[in-house]
């Protein structure tokens, strides 16, 4: 009886620890999203910041590249993840680097597109987390199936996005976005189960920063794809480019300046 009581008490204690870990991980994820969104609002509000990012694109590219390297180190080096305050400092650097890297992509958008993108991304994320938490099936047992499925979707996504870039067929990008959306939502369910525990694979209760960062990366992947979809939808419905506060140019004008004048435009100018 005493052994059973000890086992029950230990099980209750572990559930309490796991519950605190879950709450901490999800609250940190929300804080990470708010941290980035507030800075993106500054980019959209003050044209000076946007112009600086446009004139120094290497800063955004370098920031995102650095965040990928630091994220890799954070995932594979366990000593860093549990070393306070190094883990918090590294997490802040990763967040800031990612935010700067993403800011350049959002310079030519507007509040309407950003708000719509946040809704289209966060609502399905919450639904995926709830589904992963409530279903009895253990998704963490299907790692091989997830890998094969993600590889197949990856091949299809590369084809469709290449088709879109070369042929400028919007349907191809919508199909690409759909494939990315589906596979990321599946992985969100997987990550939710590893965070909630009581599955074949579960995260350690000391890795709350890693758990929040993984969910944040899921959010970023969906947000990057959906933002472009929303831009395309905005231009199709409003018949005008999305403009941020105080900015005269839109995505269409920006892309035209990047790719240069077409042959028809050159001939027309000569004429």
C-alpha atoms as a PDB file:
ATOM      1  CA  UNK A   1       0.000   0.000   0.000  1.00  0.00           C
ATOM      2  CA  UNK A   2       2.752   2.418   0.862  1.00  0.00           C
ATOM      3  CA  UNK A   3       4.469   1.711  -2.456  1.00  0.00           C
ATOM      4  CA  UNK A   4       1.201   2.382  -4.305  1.00  0.00           C
ATOM      5  CA  UNK A   5       0.700   5.626  -2.396  1.00  0.00           C
ATOM      6  CA  UNK A   6       4.231   6.736  -3.251  1.00  0.00           C
ATOM      7  CA  UNK A   7       3.673   5.868  -6.917  1.00  0.00           C
ATOM      8  CA  UNK A   8       0.382   7.772  -6.993  1.00  0.00           C
ATOM      9  CA  UNK A   9       1.922  10.794  -5.311  1.00  0.00           C
ATOM     10  CA  UNK A  10       4.781  10.715  -7.780  1.00  0.00           C
ATOM     11  CA  UNK A  11       2.339  10.502 -10.700  1.00  0.00           C
ATOM     12  CA  UNK A  12       0.351  13.449  -9.341  1.00  0.00           C
ATOM     13  CA  UNK A  13       3.544  15.454  -8.879  1.00  0.00           C
ATOM     14  CA  UNK A  14       4.685  14.693 -12.443  1.00  0.00           C
ATOM     15  CA  UNK A  15       1.307  15.789 -13.828  1.00  0.00           C
ATOM     16  CA  UNK A  16       1.574  19.069 -11.915  1.00  0.00           C
ATOM     17  CA  UNK A  17       5.101  19.649 -13.232  1.00  0.00           C
ATOM     18  CA  UNK A  18       3.966  18.831 -16.779  1.00  0.00           C
ATOM     19  CA  UNK A  19       0.990  21.182 -16.446  1.00  0.00           C
ATOM     20  CA  UNK A  20       3.230  24.044 -15.315  1.00  0.00           C
ATOM     21  CA  UNK A  21       5.568  23.295 -18.212  1.00  0.00           C
ATOM     22  CA  UNK A  22       2.671  23.411 -20.701  1.00  0.00           C
ATOM     23  CA  UNK A  23       1.378  26.728 -19.373  1.00  0.00           C
ATOM     24  CA  UNK A  24       4.848  28.242 -19.401  1.00  0.00           C
ATOM     25  CA  UNK A  25       5.573  27.034 -22.958  1.00  0.00           C
ATOM     26  CA  UNK A  26       2.297  28.330 -24.436  1.00  0.00           C
ATOM     27  CA  UNK A  27       2.516  31.666 -22.615  1.00  0.00           C
ATOM     28  CA  UNK A  28       6.080  32.139 -23.848  1.00  0.00           C
ATOM     29  CA  UNK A  29       4.945  31.371 -27.397  1.00  0.00           C
ATOM     30  CA  UNK A  30       2.268  34.076 -27.125  1.00  0.00           C
ATOM     31  CA  UNK A  31       4.875  36.489 -25.737  1.00  0.00           C
ATOM     32  CA  UNK A  32       7.245  35.699 -28.629  1.00  0.00           C
ATOM     33  CA  UNK A  33       4.516  36.417 -31.199  1.00  0.00           C
ATOM     34  CA  UNK A  34       3.572  39.698 -29.500  1.00  0.00           C
ATOM     35  CA  UNK A  35       7.258  40.661 -29.321  1.00  0.00           C
ATOM     36  CA  UNK A  36       7.593  40.308 -33.096  1.00  0.00           C
ATOM     37  CA  UNK A  37       4.209  41.790 -34.024  1.00  0.00           C
ATOM     38  CA  UNK A  38       4.863  44.963 -32.016  1.00  0.00           C
ATOM     39  CA  UNK A  39       8.135  45.521 -33.874  1.00  0.00           C
ATOM     40  CA  UNK A  40       6.488  44.800 -37.236  1.00  0.00           C
ATOM     41  CA  UNK A  41       3.878  47.442 -36.366  1.00  0.00           C
ATOM     42  CA  UNK A  42       6.707  49.934 -35.885  1.00  0.00           C
ATOM     43  CA  UNK A  43       8.043  49.013 -39.334  1.00  0.00           C
ATOM     44  CA  UNK A  44       4.622  49.658 -40.898  1.00  0.00           C
ATOM     45  CA  UNK A  45       4.026  52.853 -38.917  1.00  0.00           C
ATOM     46  CA  UNK A  46       7.340  54.626 -39.486  1.00  0.00           C
ATOM     47  CA  UNK A  47       8.505  54.743 -43.145  1.00  0.00           C
ATOM     48  CA  UNK A  48      12.027  55.659 -41.999  1.00  0.00           C
ATOM     49  CA  UNK A  49      12.476  52.177 -40.530  1.00  0.00           C
ATOM     50  CA  UNK A  50      11.092  50.551 -43.671  1.00  0.00           C
ATOM     51  CA  UNK A  51      13.365  52.602 -45.929  1.00  0.00           C
ATOM     52  CA  UNK A  52      16.345  51.648 -43.791  1.00  0.00           C
ATOM     53  CA  UNK A  53      15.498  47.949 -44.150  1.00  0.00           C
ATOM     54  CA  UNK A  54      15.053  48.331 -47.909  1.00  0.00           C
ATOM     55  CA  UNK A  55      18.414  50.071 -48.263  1.00  0.00           C
ATOM     56  CA  UNK A  56      20.140  47.502 -46.036  1.00  0.00           C
ATOM     57  CA  UNK A  57      18.611  44.215 -47.140  1.00  0.00           C
ATOM     58  CA  UNK A  58      21.785  42.385 -46.140  1.00  0.00           C
ATOM     59  CA  UNK A  59      20.882  43.184 -42.511  1.00  0.00           C
ATOM     60  CA  UNK A  60      17.612  41.253 -42.747  1.00  0.00           C
ATOM     61  CA  UNK A  61      19.167  38.352 -44.641  1.00  0.00           C
ATOM     62  CA  UNK A  62      22.064  38.183 -42.192  1.00  0.00           C
ATOM     63  CA  UNK A  63      19.709  38.356 -39.215  1.00  0.00           C
ATOM     64  CA  UNK A  64      17.600  35.461 -40.429  1.00  0.00           C
ATOM     65  CA  UNK A  65      20.667  33.397 -41.335  1.00  0.00           C
ATOM     66  CA  UNK A  66      22.192  34.041 -37.901  1.00  0.00           C
ATOM     67  CA  UNK A  67      18.940  33.042 -36.196  1.00  0.00           C
ATOM     68  CA  UNK A  68      18.963  29.705 -38.049  1.00  0.00           C
ATOM     69  CA  UNK A  69      22.505  28.982 -36.871  1.00  0.00           C
ATOM     70  CA  UNK A  70      21.749  29.972 -33.275  1.00  0.00           C
ATOM     71  CA  UNK A  71      18.519  27.974 -33.320  1.00  0.00           C
ATOM     72  CA  UNK A  72      20.438  24.888 -34.458  1.00  0.00           C
ATOM     73  CA  UNK A  73      22.927  25.348 -31.622  1.00  0.00           C
ATOM     74  CA  UNK A  74      20.087  25.863 -29.147  1.00  0.00           C
ATOM     75  CA  UNK A  75      18.378  22.631 -30.231  1.00  0.00           C
ATOM     76  CA  UNK A  76      21.416  20.349 -30.195  1.00  0.00           C
ATOM     77  CA  UNK A  77      23.408  21.722 -27.243  1.00  0.00           C
ATOM     78  CA  UNK A  78      21.452  20.744 -24.148  1.00  0.00           C
ATOM     79  CA  UNK A  79      23.809  22.531 -21.764  1.00  0.00           C
ATOM     80  CA  UNK A  80      22.899  25.899 -23.263  1.00  0.00           C
ATOM     81  CA  UNK A  81      19.154  25.243 -23.000  1.00  0.00           C
ATOM     82  CA  UNK A  82      19.290  24.721 -19.236  1.00  0.00           C
ATOM     83  CA  UNK A  83      21.951  27.313 -18.376  1.00  0.00           C
ATOM     84  CA  UNK A  84      20.333  30.427 -16.920  1.00  0.00           C
ATOM     85  CA  UNK A  85      20.650  33.252 -18.012  1.00  0.00           C
ATOM     86  CA  UNK A  86      22.473  32.103 -21.184  1.00  0.00           C
ATOM     87  CA  UNK A  87      19.376  30.302 -22.476  1.00  0.00           C
ATOM     88  CA  UNK A  88      17.215  33.412 -22.071  1.00  0.00           C
ATOM     89  CA  UNK A  89      19.836  35.642 -23.675  1.00  0.00           C
ATOM     90  CA  UNK A  90      20.242  33.313 -26.658  1.00  0.00           C
ATOM     91  CA  UNK A  91      16.465  33.064 -27.031  1.00  0.00           C
ATOM     92  CA  UNK A  92      16.183  36.860 -27.102  1.00  0.00           C
ATOM     93  CA  UNK A  93      18.920  37.105 -29.752  1.00  0.00           C
ATOM     94  CA  UNK A  94      17.182  34.456 -31.881  1.00  0.00           C
ATOM     95  CA  UNK A  95      13.848  36.267 -31.590  1.00  0.00           C
ATOM     96  CA  UNK A  96      15.315  39.656 -32.460  1.00  0.00           C
ATOM     97  CA  UNK A  97      17.285  38.247 -35.402  1.00  0.00           C
ATOM     98  CA  UNK A  98      14.192  36.504 -36.793  1.00  0.00           C
ATOM     99  CA  UNK A  99      12.079  39.626 -36.310  1.00  0.00           C
ATOM    100  CA  UNK A 100      14.588  41.765 -38.213  1.00  0.00           C
ATOM    101  CA  UNK A 101      14.828  39.149 -40.945  1.00  0.00           C
ATOM    102  CA  UNK A 102      11.049  39.014 -41.332  1.00  0.00           C
ATOM    103  CA  UNK A 103      10.648  42.800 -41.187  1.00  0.00           C
ATOM    104  CA  UNK A 104      12.002  43.270 -44.702  1.00  0.00           C
ATOM    105  CA  UNK A 105       9.308  40.933 -46.032  1.00  0.00           C
ATOM    106  CA  UNK A 106       6.600  42.998 -44.326  1.00  0.00           C
ATOM    107  CA  UNK A 107       7.792  46.465 -45.369  1.00  0.00           C
ATOM    108  CA  UNK A 108       5.572  46.557 -48.455  1.00  0.00           C
ATOM    109  CA  UNK A 109       2.463  45.240 -46.679  1.00  0.00           C
ATOM    110  CA  UNK A 110      -0.110  47.083 -44.570  1.00  0.00           C
ATOM    111  CA  UNK A 111      -2.042  46.665 -41.329  1.00  0.00           C
ATOM    112  CA  UNK A 112      -4.966  45.001 -43.094  1.00  0.00           C
ATOM    113  CA  UNK A 113      -2.793  42.273 -44.587  1.00  0.00           C
ATOM    114  CA  UNK A 114      -0.878  41.791 -41.341  1.00  0.00           C
ATOM    115  CA  UNK A 115      -4.053  41.471 -39.255  1.00  0.00           C
ATOM    116  CA  UNK A 116      -5.704  39.095 -41.727  1.00  0.00           C
ATOM    117  CA  UNK A 117      -2.540  36.980 -41.893  1.00  0.00           C
ATOM    118  CA  UNK A 118      -2.339  36.766 -38.094  1.00  0.00           C
ATOM    119  CA  UNK A 119      -5.950  35.586 -37.885  1.00  0.00           C
ATOM    120  CA  UNK A 120      -5.562  33.016 -40.672  1.00  0.00           C
ATOM    121  CA  UNK A 121      -2.397  31.670 -39.018  1.00  0.00           C
ATOM    122  CA  UNK A 122      -3.173  31.781 -35.288  1.00  0.00           C
ATOM    123  CA  UNK A 123      -6.724  30.402 -35.410  1.00  0.00           C
ATOM    124  CA  UNK A 124      -5.723  27.179 -37.240  1.00  0.00           C
ATOM    125  CA  UNK A 125      -2.696  26.895 -34.947  1.00  0.00           C
ATOM    126  CA  UNK A 126      -4.955  26.943 -31.885  1.00  0.00           C
ATOM    127  CA  UNK A 127      -7.278  24.404 -33.521  1.00  0.00           C
ATOM    128  CA  UNK A 128      -4.320  22.140 -34.391  1.00  0.00           C
ATOM    129  CA  UNK A 129      -3.006  22.356 -30.817  1.00  0.00           C
ATOM    130  CA  UNK A 130      -6.446  21.469 -29.446  1.00  0.00           C
ATOM    131  CA  UNK A 131      -6.836  18.549 -31.858  1.00  0.00           C
ATOM    132  CA  UNK A 132      -3.372  17.247 -31.012  1.00  0.00           C
ATOM    133  CA  UNK A 133      -4.148  17.538 -27.310  1.00  0.00           C
ATOM    134  CA  UNK A 134      -7.577  15.895 -27.419  1.00  0.00           C
ATOM    135  CA  UNK A 135      -7.214  13.020 -29.884  1.00  0.00           C
ATOM    136  CA  UNK A 136      -6.330   9.629 -28.462  1.00  0.00           C
ATOM    137  CA  UNK A 137      -4.068   8.695 -31.373  1.00  0.00           C
ATOM    138  CA  UNK A 138      -0.379   9.157 -30.554  1.00  0.00           C
ATOM    139  CA  UNK A 139       1.033  11.165 -33.457  1.00  0.00           C
ATOM    140  CA  UNK A 140       4.540  10.898 -31.977  1.00  0.00           C
ATOM    141  CA  UNK A 141       4.538   7.215 -32.958  1.00  0.00           C
ATOM    142  CA  UNK A 142       4.168   8.146 -36.634  1.00  0.00           C
ATOM    143  CA  UNK A 143       7.513   9.904 -37.108  1.00  0.00           C
ATOM    144  CA  UNK A 144       8.414   7.873 -40.219  1.00  0.00           C
ATOM    145  CA  UNK A 145       5.005   8.503 -41.763  1.00  0.00           C
ATOM    146  CA  UNK A 146       5.339  12.225 -41.027  1.00  0.00           C
ATOM    147  CA  UNK A 147       8.812  12.290 -42.584  1.00  0.00           C
ATOM    148  CA  UNK A 148       7.652  10.565 -45.790  1.00  0.00           C
ATOM    149  CA  UNK A 149       4.545  12.743 -45.994  1.00  0.00           C
ATOM    150  CA  UNK A 150       6.519  15.933 -45.436  1.00  0.00           C
ATOM    151  CA  UNK A 151       9.058  14.902 -48.102  1.00  0.00           C
ATOM    152  CA  UNK A 152       6.298  14.257 -50.655  1.00  0.00           C
ATOM    153  CA  UNK A 153       4.665  17.579 -49.807  1.00  0.00           C
ATOM    154  CA  UNK A 154       8.075  19.278 -49.978  1.00  0.00           C
ATOM    155  CA  UNK A 155       8.663  18.021 -53.528  1.00  0.00           C
ATOM    156  CA  UNK A 156       5.208  19.202 -54.557  1.00  0.00           C
ATOM    157  CA  UNK A 157       5.701  22.565 -52.859  1.00  0.00           C
ATOM    158  CA  UNK A 158       9.046  23.162 -54.603  1.00  0.00           C
ATOM    159  CA  UNK A 159       7.463  22.355 -57.968  1.00  0.00           C
ATOM    160  CA  UNK A 160       4.493  24.668 -57.461  1.00  0.00           C
ATOM    161  CA  UNK A 161       6.522  27.607 -56.134  1.00  0.00           C
ATOM    162  CA  UNK A 162       9.007  27.224 -59.020  1.00  0.00           C
ATOM    163  CA  UNK A 163       6.095  27.092 -61.460  1.00  0.00           C
ATOM    164  CA  UNK A 164       4.723  30.271 -59.896  1.00  0.00           C
ATOM    165  CA  UNK A 165       8.036  32.148 -60.064  1.00  0.00           C
ATOM    166  CA  UNK A 166       8.722  31.189 -63.687  1.00  0.00           C
ATOM    167  CA  UNK A 167       5.232  31.177 -65.207  1.00  0.00           C
ATOM    168  CA  UNK A 168       3.565  33.680 -62.809  1.00  0.00           C
ATOM    169  CA  UNK A 169       0.530  31.392 -62.406  1.00  0.00           C
ATOM    170  CA  UNK A 170      -1.230  32.350 -59.165  1.00  0.00           C
ATOM    171  CA  UNK A 171      -2.957  28.973 -58.837  1.00  0.00           C
ATOM    172  CA  UNK A 172       0.474  27.334 -58.484  1.00  0.00           C
ATOM    173  CA  UNK A 173       1.277  29.505 -55.471  1.00  0.00           C
ATOM    174  CA  UNK A 174      -2.088  28.753 -53.874  1.00  0.00           C
ATOM    175  CA  UNK A 175      -1.376  25.018 -54.233  1.00  0.00           C
ATOM    176  CA  UNK A 176       2.107  25.547 -52.779  1.00  0.00           C
ATOM    177  CA  UNK A 177       0.638  27.448 -49.818  1.00  0.00           C
ATOM    178  CA  UNK A 178      -1.946  24.708 -49.265  1.00  0.00           C
ATOM    179  CA  UNK A 179       0.708  21.973 -49.112  1.00  0.00           C
ATOM    180  CA  UNK A 180       2.850  23.972 -46.674  1.00  0.00           C
ATOM    181  CA  UNK A 181      -0.213  24.809 -44.578  1.00  0.00           C
ATOM    182  CA  UNK A 182      -1.293  21.182 -44.240  1.00  0.00           C
ATOM    183  CA  UNK A 183       2.108  19.743 -43.339  1.00  0.00           C
ATOM    184  CA  UNK A 184       2.875  22.509 -40.805  1.00  0.00           C
ATOM    185  CA  UNK A 185      -0.514  22.035 -39.094  1.00  0.00           C
ATOM    186  CA  UNK A 186       0.227  18.301 -38.813  1.00  0.00           C
ATOM    187  CA  UNK A 187       3.570  19.078 -37.196  1.00  0.00           C
ATOM    188  CA  UNK A 188       1.863  21.532 -34.840  1.00  0.00           C
ATOM    189  CA  UNK A 189      -0.302  18.644 -33.606  1.00  0.00           C
ATOM    190  CA  UNK A 190       2.872  16.581 -33.188  1.00  0.00           C
ATOM    191  CA  UNK A 191       4.618  19.352 -31.256  1.00  0.00           C
ATOM    192  CA  UNK A 192       1.540  19.890 -29.072  1.00  0.00           C
ATOM    193  CA  UNK A 193       1.587  16.226 -28.057  1.00  0.00           C
ATOM    194  CA  UNK A 194       5.291  16.352 -27.203  1.00  0.00           C
ATOM    195  CA  UNK A 195       4.628  19.429 -25.056  1.00  0.00           C
ATOM    196  CA  UNK A 196       1.544  18.045 -23.321  1.00  0.00           C
ATOM    197  CA  UNK A 197       3.283  14.756 -22.523  1.00  0.00           C
ATOM    198  CA  UNK A 198       1.801  11.337 -21.756  1.00  0.00           C
ATOM    199  CA  UNK A 199       2.837  10.192 -25.251  1.00  0.00           C
ATOM    200  CA  UNK A 200       5.580   8.003 -26.688  1.00  0.00           C
ATOM    201  CA  UNK A 201       7.767  11.066 -27.273  1.00  0.00           C
ATOM    202  CA  UNK A 202       7.591  14.054 -24.969  1.00  0.00           C
ATOM    203  CA  UNK A 203       9.712  17.093 -24.243  1.00  0.00           C
ATOM    204  CA  UNK A 204      11.594  17.500 -21.003  1.00  0.00           C
ATOM    205  CA  UNK A 205       9.895  19.795 -18.552  1.00  0.00           C
ATOM    206  CA  UNK A 206      13.005  21.993 -18.443  1.00  0.00           C
ATOM    207  CA  UNK A 207      12.824  22.761 -22.188  1.00  0.00           C
ATOM    208  CA  UNK A 208      10.023  25.338 -22.054  1.00  0.00           C
ATOM    209  CA  UNK A 209      12.067  27.831 -24.092  1.00  0.00           C
ATOM    210  CA  UNK A 210      12.701  25.234 -26.790  1.00  0.00           C
ATOM    211  CA  UNK A 211       9.011  24.293 -26.859  1.00  0.00           C
ATOM    212  CA  UNK A 212       7.978  27.927 -27.287  1.00  0.00           C
ATOM    213  CA  UNK A 213      10.593  28.482 -30.003  1.00  0.00           C
ATOM    214  CA  UNK A 214       9.411  25.421 -31.948  1.00  0.00           C
ATOM    215  CA  UNK A 215       5.825  26.705 -31.926  1.00  0.00           C
ATOM    216  CA  UNK A 216       7.140  30.142 -32.903  1.00  0.00           C
ATOM    217  CA  UNK A 217       8.953  28.653 -35.907  1.00  0.00           C
ATOM    218  CA  UNK A 218       5.727  26.885 -36.933  1.00  0.00           C
ATOM    219  CA  UNK A 219       4.007  30.259 -36.725  1.00  0.00           C
ATOM    220  CA  UNK A 220       6.679  31.952 -38.847  1.00  0.00           C
ATOM    221  CA  UNK A 221       6.515  29.364 -41.636  1.00  0.00           C
ATOM    222  CA  UNK A 222       2.748  29.749 -41.910  1.00  0.00           C
ATOM    223  CA  UNK A 223       2.931  33.528 -41.586  1.00  0.00           C
ATOM    224  CA  UNK A 224       5.464  33.940 -44.399  1.00  0.00           C
ATOM    225  CA  UNK A 225       3.323  31.915 -46.796  1.00  0.00           C
ATOM    226  CA  UNK A 226      -0.046  33.361 -45.793  1.00  0.00           C
ATOM    227  CA  UNK A 227       1.207  36.965 -45.959  1.00  0.00           C
ATOM    228  CA  UNK A 228       1.930  36.601 -49.668  1.00  0.00           C
ATOM    229  CA  UNK A 229      -1.432  34.906 -50.224  1.00  0.00           C
ATOM    230  CA  UNK A 230      -3.140  37.816 -48.466  1.00  0.00           C
ATOM    231  CA  UNK A 231      -1.214  40.322 -50.581  1.00  0.00           C
ATOM    232  CA  UNK A 232      -2.376  38.585 -53.750  1.00  0.00           C
ATOM    233  CA  UNK A 233      -5.955  38.498 -52.462  1.00  0.00           C
ATOM    234  CA  UNK A 234      -5.793  42.167 -51.411  1.00  0.00           C
ATOM    235  CA  UNK A 235      -4.626  43.304 -54.838  1.00  0.00           C
ATOM    236  CA  UNK A 236      -7.270  41.137 -56.511  1.00  0.00           C
ATOM    237  CA  UNK A 237     -10.138  42.508 -54.402  1.00  0.00           C
ATOM    238  CA  UNK A 238      -9.060  46.126 -53.873  1.00  0.00           C
ATOM    239  CA  UNK A 239      -7.535  46.441 -57.375  1.00  0.00           C
ATOM    240  CA  UNK A 240      -4.690  48.396 -55.794  1.00  0.00           C
ATOM    241  CA  UNK A 241      -1.436  47.517 -54.013  1.00  0.00           C
ATOM    242  CA  UNK A 242      -1.390  47.290 -50.238  1.00  0.00           C
ATOM    243  CA  UNK A 243       0.373  50.349 -48.793  1.00  0.00           C
ATOM    244  CA  UNK A 244       1.717  50.930 -45.313  1.00  0.00           C
ATOM    245  CA  UNK A 245       1.447  54.257 -43.538  1.00  0.00           C
ATOM    246  CA  UNK A 246       3.351  57.025 -45.290  1.00  0.00           C
ATOM    247  CA  UNK A 247       4.585  54.772 -48.103  1.00  0.00           C
ATOM    248  CA  UNK A 248       3.847  55.500 -51.740  1.00  0.00           C
ATOM    249  CA  UNK A 249       5.018  52.276 -53.315  1.00  0.00           C
ATOM    250  CA  UNK A 250       3.378  48.881 -53.186  1.00  0.00           C
ATOM    251  CA  UNK A 251       4.502  45.349 -53.829  1.00  0.00           C
ATOM    252  CA  UNK A 252       3.741  45.551 -57.511  1.00  0.00           C
ATOM    253  CA  UNK A 253       5.827  48.693 -57.939  1.00  0.00           C
ATOM    254  CA  UNK A 254       8.629  47.236 -55.860  1.00  0.00           C
ATOM    255  CA  UNK A 255       8.760  44.016 -57.881  1.00  0.00           C
ATOM    256  CA  UNK A 256       8.744  46.003 -61.108  1.00  0.00           C
ATOM    257  CA  UNK A 257      11.782  47.978 -59.997  1.00  0.00           C
ATOM    258  CA  UNK A 258      13.553  44.767 -58.995  1.00  0.00           C
ATOM    259  CA  UNK A 259      13.041  42.912 -62.263  1.00  0.00           C
ATOM    260  CA  UNK A 260      13.507  45.990 -64.387  1.00  0.00           C
ATOM    261  CA  UNK A 261      11.638  47.074 -67.504  1.00  0.00           C
ATOM    262  CA  UNK A 262      10.269  44.476 -69.892  1.00  0.00           C
ATOM    263  CA  UNK A 263      11.124  44.453 -73.596  1.00  0.00           C
ATOM    264  CA  UNK A 264       7.683  45.834 -74.419  1.00  0.00           C
ATOM    265  CA  UNK A 265       8.207  48.732 -72.020  1.00  0.00           C
ATOM    266  CA  UNK A 266      11.638  49.470 -73.488  1.00  0.00           C
ATOM    267  CA  UNK A 267      10.258  49.487 -77.030  1.00  0.00           C
ATOM    268  CA  UNK A 268       7.389  51.725 -75.935  1.00  0.00           C
ATOM    269  CA  UNK A 269       9.822  54.155 -74.318  1.00  0.00           C
ATOM    270  CA  UNK A 270      11.944  54.219 -77.467  1.00  0.00           C
ATOM    271  CA  UNK A 271       8.858  54.847 -79.566  1.00  0.00           C
END
